Amino acid sequence: MYDESRGAPREGFPAGTAWSEIPDDWCCPDCGVREKIDFDEVVGADS
């Protein structure tokens, strides 16, 4: 799960990086999803 407040530092996205700033072809290193269009937004989830 991508949390904008935490970012993904090991992927080069510091805390505060908005989801809209993540490249469309970014591949999640944890689950292998290959494109942003395949992600679902989770609202109100605690991480």
N, C-alpha and C. Protein backbone atom coordinates (compact mmCIF):
# COMPACT_ATOMS: atom_id res chain seq x y z
N MET A 1 0.85 -1.16 0.00
CA MET A 1 0.00 0.00 0.00
C MET A 1 0.90 1.23 0.00
N TYR A 2 0.65 2.17 -0.89
CA TYR A 2 1.44 3.40 -0.95
C TYR A 2 0.78 4.45 -0.07
N ASP A 3 1.56 4.99 0.85
CA ASP A 3 1.10 6.04 1.76
C ASP A 3 1.90 7.30 1.45
N GLU A 4 1.22 8.31 0.95
CA GLU A 4 1.91 9.55 0.57
C GLU A 4 2.71 10.15 1.71
N SER A 5 2.23 10.01 2.94
CA SER A 5 2.95 10.59 4.08
C SER A 5 4.26 9.87 4.36
N ARG A 6 4.36 8.62 3.92
CA ARG A 6 5.58 7.83 4.11
C ARG A 6 6.43 7.75 2.86
N GLY A 7 5.79 7.87 1.71
CA GLY A 7 6.51 7.73 0.45
C GLY A 7 7.01 6.30 0.28
N ALA A 8 8.04 6.14 -0.53
CA ALA A 8 8.70 4.85 -0.75
C ALA A 8 10.18 5.15 -0.96
N PRO A 9 10.88 5.51 0.13
CA PRO A 9 12.27 5.95 0.02
C PRO A 9 13.19 4.98 -0.73
N ARG A 10 13.01 3.69 -0.53
CA ARG A 10 13.91 2.74 -1.22
C ARG A 10 13.66 2.70 -2.72
N GLU A 11 12.50 3.23 -3.14
CA GLU A 11 12.17 3.32 -4.56
C GLU A 11 12.46 4.71 -5.12
N GLY A 12 12.94 5.62 -4.25
CA GLY A 12 13.28 6.96 -4.70
C GLY A 12 12.18 7.99 -4.53
N PHE A 13 11.13 7.65 -3.77
CA PHE A 13 10.02 8.56 -3.54
C PHE A 13 9.99 8.93 -2.06
N PRO A 14 10.51 10.12 -1.71
CA PRO A 14 10.56 10.52 -0.30
C PRO A 14 9.17 10.75 0.28
N ALA A 15 9.09 10.76 1.60
CA ALA A 15 7.84 11.07 2.29
C ALA A 15 7.26 12.35 1.72
N GLY A 16 5.95 12.37 1.52
CA GLY A 16 5.29 13.54 0.96
C GLY A 16 5.11 13.50 -0.54
N THR A 17 5.65 12.46 -1.20
CA THR A 17 5.48 12.34 -2.65
C THR A 17 4.04 11.95 -2.95
N ALA A 18 3.35 12.80 -3.69
CA ALA A 18 1.95 12.53 -4.04
C ALA A 18 1.85 11.36 -5.01
N TRP A 19 0.77 10.63 -4.92
CA TRP A 19 0.54 9.49 -5.83
C TRP A 19 0.58 9.96 -7.28
N SER A 20 0.10 11.16 -7.53
CA SER A 20 0.09 11.69 -8.90
C SER A 20 1.50 11.91 -9.45
N GLU A 21 2.50 11.98 -8.58
CA GLU A 21 3.88 12.16 -9.01
C GLU A 21 4.61 10.85 -9.30
N ILE A 22 3.99 9.73 -8.95
CA ILE A 22 4.59 8.42 -9.21
C ILE A 22 4.40 8.12 -10.70
N PRO A 23 5.45 7.66 -11.39
CA PRO A 23 5.32 7.37 -12.83
C PRO A 23 4.23 6.32 -13.10
N ASP A 24 3.54 6.47 -14.22
CA ASP A 24 2.47 5.54 -14.58
C ASP A 24 2.96 4.11 -14.75
N ASP A 25 4.24 3.93 -15.09
CA ASP A 25 4.77 2.58 -15.32
C ASP A 25 5.54 2.04 -14.11
N TRP A 26 5.35 2.66 -12.94
CA TRP A 26 6.03 2.20 -11.73
C TRP A 26 5.54 0.81 -11.36
N CYS A 27 6.46 -0.07 -11.02
CA CYS A 27 6.14 -1.44 -10.60
C CYS A 27 6.34 -1.55 -9.10
N CYS A 28 5.32 -1.98 -8.39
CA CYS A 28 5.40 -2.15 -6.94
C CYS A 28 6.41 -3.26 -6.62
N PRO A 29 7.42 -2.96 -5.79
CA PRO A 29 8.42 -3.98 -5.47
C PRO A 29 7.90 -5.06 -4.53
N ASP A 30 6.79 -4.79 -3.85
CA ASP A 30 6.25 -5.76 -2.89
C ASP A 30 5.26 -6.73 -3.52
N CYS A 31 4.41 -6.23 -4.42
CA CYS A 31 3.37 -7.10 -4.98
C CYS A 31 3.52 -7.35 -6.47
N GLY A 32 4.38 -6.57 -7.14
CA GLY A 32 4.63 -6.80 -8.56
C GLY A 32 3.61 -6.19 -9.51
N VAL A 33 2.64 -5.43 -8.99
CA VAL A 33 1.70 -4.75 -9.88
C VAL A 33 2.52 -3.82 -10.75
N ARG A 34 2.28 -3.84 -12.05
CA ARG A 34 3.17 -3.18 -12.99
C ARG A 34 2.77 -1.78 -13.43
N GLU A 35 1.53 -1.38 -13.28
CA GLU A 35 1.11 -0.05 -13.73
C GLU A 35 0.14 0.56 -12.73
N LYS A 36 0.20 1.88 -12.58
CA LYS A 36 -0.66 2.57 -11.61
C LYS A 36 -2.14 2.32 -11.86
N ILE A 37 -2.53 2.15 -13.10
CA ILE A 37 -3.95 1.95 -13.41
C ILE A 37 -4.50 0.69 -12.72
N ASP A 38 -3.63 -0.25 -12.37
CA ASP A 38 -4.06 -1.50 -11.74
C ASP A 38 -4.19 -1.40 -10.23
N PHE A 39 -3.84 -0.24 -9.64
CA PHE A 39 -3.97 -0.05 -8.20
C PHE A 39 -5.36 0.46 -7.87
N ASP A 40 -5.82 0.17 -6.65
CA ASP A 40 -7.09 0.68 -6.14
C ASP A 40 -6.79 1.62 -4.99
N GLU A 41 -7.53 2.72 -4.90
CA GLU A 41 -7.36 3.66 -3.80
C GLU A 41 -8.05 3.12 -2.56
N VAL A 42 -7.36 3.19 -1.43
CA VAL A 42 -7.92 2.79 -0.14
C VAL A 42 -8.02 4.06 0.68
N VAL A 43 -9.23 4.42 1.07
CA VAL A 43 -9.45 5.65 1.82
C VAL A 43 -9.74 5.32 3.27
N GLY A 44 -9.07 6.03 4.16
CA GLY A 44 -9.33 5.85 5.58
C GLY A 44 -8.69 4.64 6.21
N ALA A 45 -7.80 3.98 5.51
CA ALA A 45 -7.13 2.80 6.06
C ALA A 45 -5.96 3.24 6.92
N ASP A 46 -5.77 2.58 8.03
CA ASP A 46 -4.59 2.82 8.86
C ASP A 46 -3.48 1.95 8.34
N SER A 47 -2.26 2.52 8.24
CA SER A 47 -1.14 1.72 7.75
C SER A 47 -0.24 1.29 8.86
